Amino acid sequence: MSLHHEDFHKRTKCDKCICTKLRNLNCDTPVPVFVRTKAGGIKSSIKGTFIEYDPKTCCAKFKETILNEDMITFIDCRDIVSLSFTTQQFLDNIQDAMSDILEAIKQFGDTN
């Protein structure tokens, strides 16, 4: 077996802890989550709702609402560093805080 084939085989296995957790979640009801990733050397986070998981591709689908706009994000579960289960209230509080910050920035700009 070539080295390239071994690397490809390792990369296609969805066997990380997070992948197992996503595979075992019941997708009938969206689950509020806080996801931290490290893909391509960039750390980022998603505060949204877990929608579905495809164990064949290791692809997890999340919906995040930012400033009242819905965004769908697909993440390879092997690139997720941590996954925290939360409540919808937590996500709503973050959305409210972001809206307040945006409004304060607008007001500050209007006074200058």
C-alpha atoms as a PDB file:
ATOM      1  CA  MET A   1       0.000   0.000   0.000  1.00  0.00           C
ATOM      2  CA  SER A   2       1.438   3.398  -0.973  1.00  0.00           C
ATOM      3  CA  LEU A   3       2.020   6.146   1.547  1.00  0.00           C
ATOM      4  CA  HIS A   4      -0.465   8.388  -0.305  1.00  0.00           C
ATOM      5  CA  HIS A   5      -3.148   5.700  -0.047  1.00  0.00           C
ATOM      6  CA  GLU A   6      -2.501   5.272   3.708  1.00  0.00           C
ATOM      7  CA  ASP A   7      -2.743   9.034   4.300  1.00  0.00           C
ATOM      8  CA  PHE A   8      -5.983   9.206   2.320  1.00  0.00           C
ATOM      9  CA  HIS A   9      -7.443   6.259   4.244  1.00  0.00           C
ATOM     10  CA  LYS A  10      -6.564   7.875   7.591  1.00  0.00           C
ATOM     11  CA  ARG A  11      -8.123  11.167   6.500  1.00  0.00           C
ATOM     12  CA  THR A  12     -11.409   9.560   5.401  1.00  0.00           C
ATOM     13  CA  LYS A  13     -12.061   7.788   8.703  1.00  0.00           C
ATOM     14  CA  CYS A  14     -14.550   9.629  10.907  1.00  0.00           C
ATOM     15  CA  ASP A  15     -13.262   8.190  14.166  1.00  0.00           C
ATOM     16  CA  LYS A  16     -12.514  11.277  16.297  1.00  0.00           C
ATOM     17  CA  CYS A  17     -14.404  11.744  19.561  1.00  0.00           C
ATOM     18  CA  ILE A  18     -16.437  14.651  18.131  1.00  0.00           C
ATOM     19  CA  CYS A  19     -17.400  12.616  15.051  1.00  0.00           C
ATOM     20  CA  THR A  20     -18.727   9.869  17.316  1.00  0.00           C
ATOM     21  CA  LYS A  21     -20.738  12.372  19.379  1.00  0.00           C
ATOM     22  CA  LEU A  22     -22.298  13.894  16.251  1.00  0.00           C
ATOM     23  CA  ARG A  23     -23.086  10.457  14.829  1.00  0.00           C
ATOM     24  CA  ASN A  24     -24.942   9.541  18.024  1.00  0.00           C
ATOM     25  CA  LEU A  25     -27.034  12.733  18.242  1.00  0.00           C
ATOM     26  CA  ASN A  26     -30.724  12.512  17.415  1.00  0.00           C
ATOM     27  CA  CYS A  27     -31.210  14.834  14.437  1.00  0.00           C
ATOM     28  CA  ASP A  28     -35.012  14.882  14.717  1.00  0.00           C
ATOM     29  CA  THR A  29     -34.711  17.964  16.919  1.00  0.00           C
ATOM     30  CA  PRO A  30     -32.068  20.653  16.208  1.00  0.00           C
ATOM     31  CA  VAL A  31     -29.530  20.825  19.024  1.00  0.00           C
ATOM     32  CA  PRO A  32     -28.104  24.227  20.123  1.00  0.00           C
ATOM     33  CA  VAL A  33     -24.299  24.007  20.176  1.00  0.00           C
ATOM     34  CA  PHE A  34     -21.153  26.078  20.513  1.00  0.00           C
ATOM     35  CA  VAL A  35     -18.519  24.695  18.124  1.00  0.00           C
ATOM     36  CA  ARG A  36     -14.820  25.574  18.112  1.00  0.00           C
ATOM     37  CA  THR A  37     -12.756  24.591  15.108  1.00  0.00           C
ATOM     38  CA  LYS A  38      -9.181  24.725  13.961  1.00  0.00           C
ATOM     39  CA  ALA A  39      -9.145  24.212  10.226  1.00  0.00           C
ATOM     40  CA  GLY A  40      -6.338  25.482   8.062  1.00  0.00           C
ATOM     41  CA  GLY A  41      -4.567  26.909  11.102  1.00  0.00           C
ATOM     42  CA  ILE A  42      -7.408  29.360  11.754  1.00  0.00           C
ATOM     43  CA  LYS A  43      -9.354  29.120  15.001  1.00  0.00           C
ATOM     44  CA  SER A  44     -13.030  29.998  14.771  1.00  0.00           C
ATOM     45  CA  SER A  45     -16.294  29.286  16.500  1.00  0.00           C
ATOM     46  CA  ILE A  46     -19.918  28.769  15.608  1.00  0.00           C
ATOM     47  CA  LYS A  47     -22.787  29.513  17.939  1.00  0.00           C
ATOM     48  CA  GLY A  48     -25.720  27.805  16.319  1.00  0.00           C
ATOM     49  CA  THR A  49     -27.780  24.704  15.851  1.00  0.00           C
ATOM     50  CA  PHE A  50     -26.582  21.255  14.818  1.00  0.00           C
ATOM     51  CA  ILE A  51     -28.726  20.122  11.888  1.00  0.00           C
ATOM     52  CA  GLU A  52     -27.289  16.858  10.543  1.00  0.00           C
ATOM     53  CA  TYR A  53     -24.233  14.639  10.171  1.00  0.00           C
ATOM     54  CA  ASP A  54     -23.102  12.421   7.293  1.00  0.00           C
ATOM     55  CA  PRO A  55     -20.800   9.632   8.562  1.00  0.00           C
ATOM     56  CA  LYS A  56     -19.766   8.763   4.993  1.00  0.00           C
ATOM     57  CA  THR A  57     -18.185  12.178   4.427  1.00  0.00           C
ATOM     58  CA  CYS A  58     -17.560  13.253   8.068  1.00  0.00           C
ATOM     59  CA  CYS A  59     -19.556  16.380   7.219  1.00  0.00           C
ATOM     60  CA  ALA A  60     -21.581  18.136   9.941  1.00  0.00           C
ATOM     61  CA  LYS A  61     -24.177  20.789   9.088  1.00  0.00           C
ATOM     62  CA  PHE A  62     -24.866  23.735  11.406  1.00  0.00           C
ATOM     63  CA  LYS A  63     -27.195  26.737  11.213  1.00  0.00           C
ATOM     64  CA  GLU A  64     -25.995  29.979  12.736  1.00  0.00           C
ATOM     65  CA  THR A  65     -27.950  33.238  12.999  1.00  0.00           C
ATOM     66  CA  ILE A  66     -25.858  36.393  12.831  1.00  0.00           C
ATOM     67  CA  LEU A  67     -27.626  39.759  13.049  1.00  0.00           C
ATOM     68  CA  ASN A  68     -30.947  38.121  12.124  1.00  0.00           C
ATOM     69  CA  GLU A  69     -29.479  36.399   9.045  1.00  0.00           C
ATOM     70  CA  ASP A  70     -29.340  32.598   8.878  1.00  0.00           C
ATOM     71  CA  MET A  71     -26.159  31.001   7.606  1.00  0.00           C
ATOM     72  CA  ILE A  72     -25.597  27.292   6.944  1.00  0.00           C
ATOM     73  CA  THR A  73     -22.083  26.021   7.620  1.00  0.00           C
ATOM     74  CA  PHE A  74     -20.616  22.615   6.811  1.00  0.00           C
ATOM     75  CA  ILE A  75     -17.639  21.416   8.849  1.00  0.00           C
ATOM     76  CA  ASP A  76     -15.578  18.249   8.655  1.00  0.00           C
ATOM     77  CA  CYS A  77     -16.034  16.739  12.120  1.00  0.00           C
ATOM     78  CA  ARG A  78     -12.313  15.958  12.242  1.00  0.00           C
ATOM     79  CA  ASP A  79     -11.626  19.717  12.243  1.00  0.00           C
ATOM     80  CA  ILE A  80     -13.803  20.390  15.301  1.00  0.00           C
ATOM     81  CA  VAL A  81     -11.719  21.004  18.406  1.00  0.00           C
ATOM     82  CA  SER A  82     -14.603  21.117  20.867  1.00  0.00           C
ATOM     83  CA  LEU A  83     -18.370  20.882  20.921  1.00  0.00           C
ATOM     84  CA  SER A  84     -20.470  22.303  23.755  1.00  0.00           C
ATOM     85  CA  PHE A  85     -24.180  21.613  24.088  1.00  0.00           C
ATOM     86  CA  THR A  86     -26.107  24.664  25.202  1.00  0.00           C
ATOM     87  CA  THR A  87     -29.601  26.100  25.281  1.00  0.00           C
ATOM     88  CA  GLN A  88     -31.501  28.209  22.796  1.00  0.00           C
ATOM     89  CA  GLN A  89     -31.606  30.941  25.459  1.00  0.00           C
ATOM     90  CA  PHE A  90     -27.797  31.108  25.409  1.00  0.00           C
ATOM     91  CA  LEU A  91     -27.797  31.534  21.632  1.00  0.00           C
ATOM     92  CA  ASP A  92     -30.532  34.179  21.862  1.00  0.00           C
ATOM     93  CA  ASN A  93     -28.520  36.096  24.486  1.00  0.00           C
ATOM     94  CA  ILE A  94     -25.471  36.121  22.209  1.00  0.00           C
ATOM     95  CA  GLN A  95     -27.606  37.358  19.308  1.00  0.00           C
ATOM     96  CA  ASP A  96     -29.034  40.138  21.497  1.00  0.00           C
ATOM     97  CA  ALA A  97     -25.545  41.151  22.648  1.00  0.00           C
ATOM     98  CA  MET A  98     -24.309  41.302  19.051  1.00  0.00           C
ATOM     99  CA  SER A  99     -27.279  43.488  18.090  1.00  0.00           C
ATOM    100  CA  ASP A 100     -26.589  45.824  21.042  1.00  0.00           C
ATOM    101  CA  ILE A 101     -22.931  46.142  20.043  1.00  0.00           C
ATOM    102  CA  LEU A 102     -23.851  46.907  16.432  1.00  0.00           C
ATOM    103  CA  GLU A 103     -26.357  49.550  17.569  1.00  0.00           C
ATOM    104  CA  ALA A 104     -23.747  51.176  19.854  1.00  0.00           C
ATOM    105  CA  ILE A 105     -21.269  51.290  16.960  1.00  0.00           C
ATOM    106  CA  LYS A 106     -23.881  52.935  14.719  1.00  0.00           C
ATOM    107  CA  GLN A 107     -24.721  55.523  17.393  1.00  0.00           C
ATOM    108  CA  PHE A 108     -21.055  56.250  17.956  1.00  0.00           C
ATOM    109  CA  GLY A 109     -20.586  56.801  14.210  1.00  0.00           C
ATOM    110  CA  ASP A 110     -23.607  59.108  14.066  1.00  0.00           C
ATOM    111  CA  THR A 111     -22.207  61.369  16.795  1.00  0.00           C
ATOM    112  CA  ASN A 112     -18.870  61.846  15.009  1.00  0.00           C
END
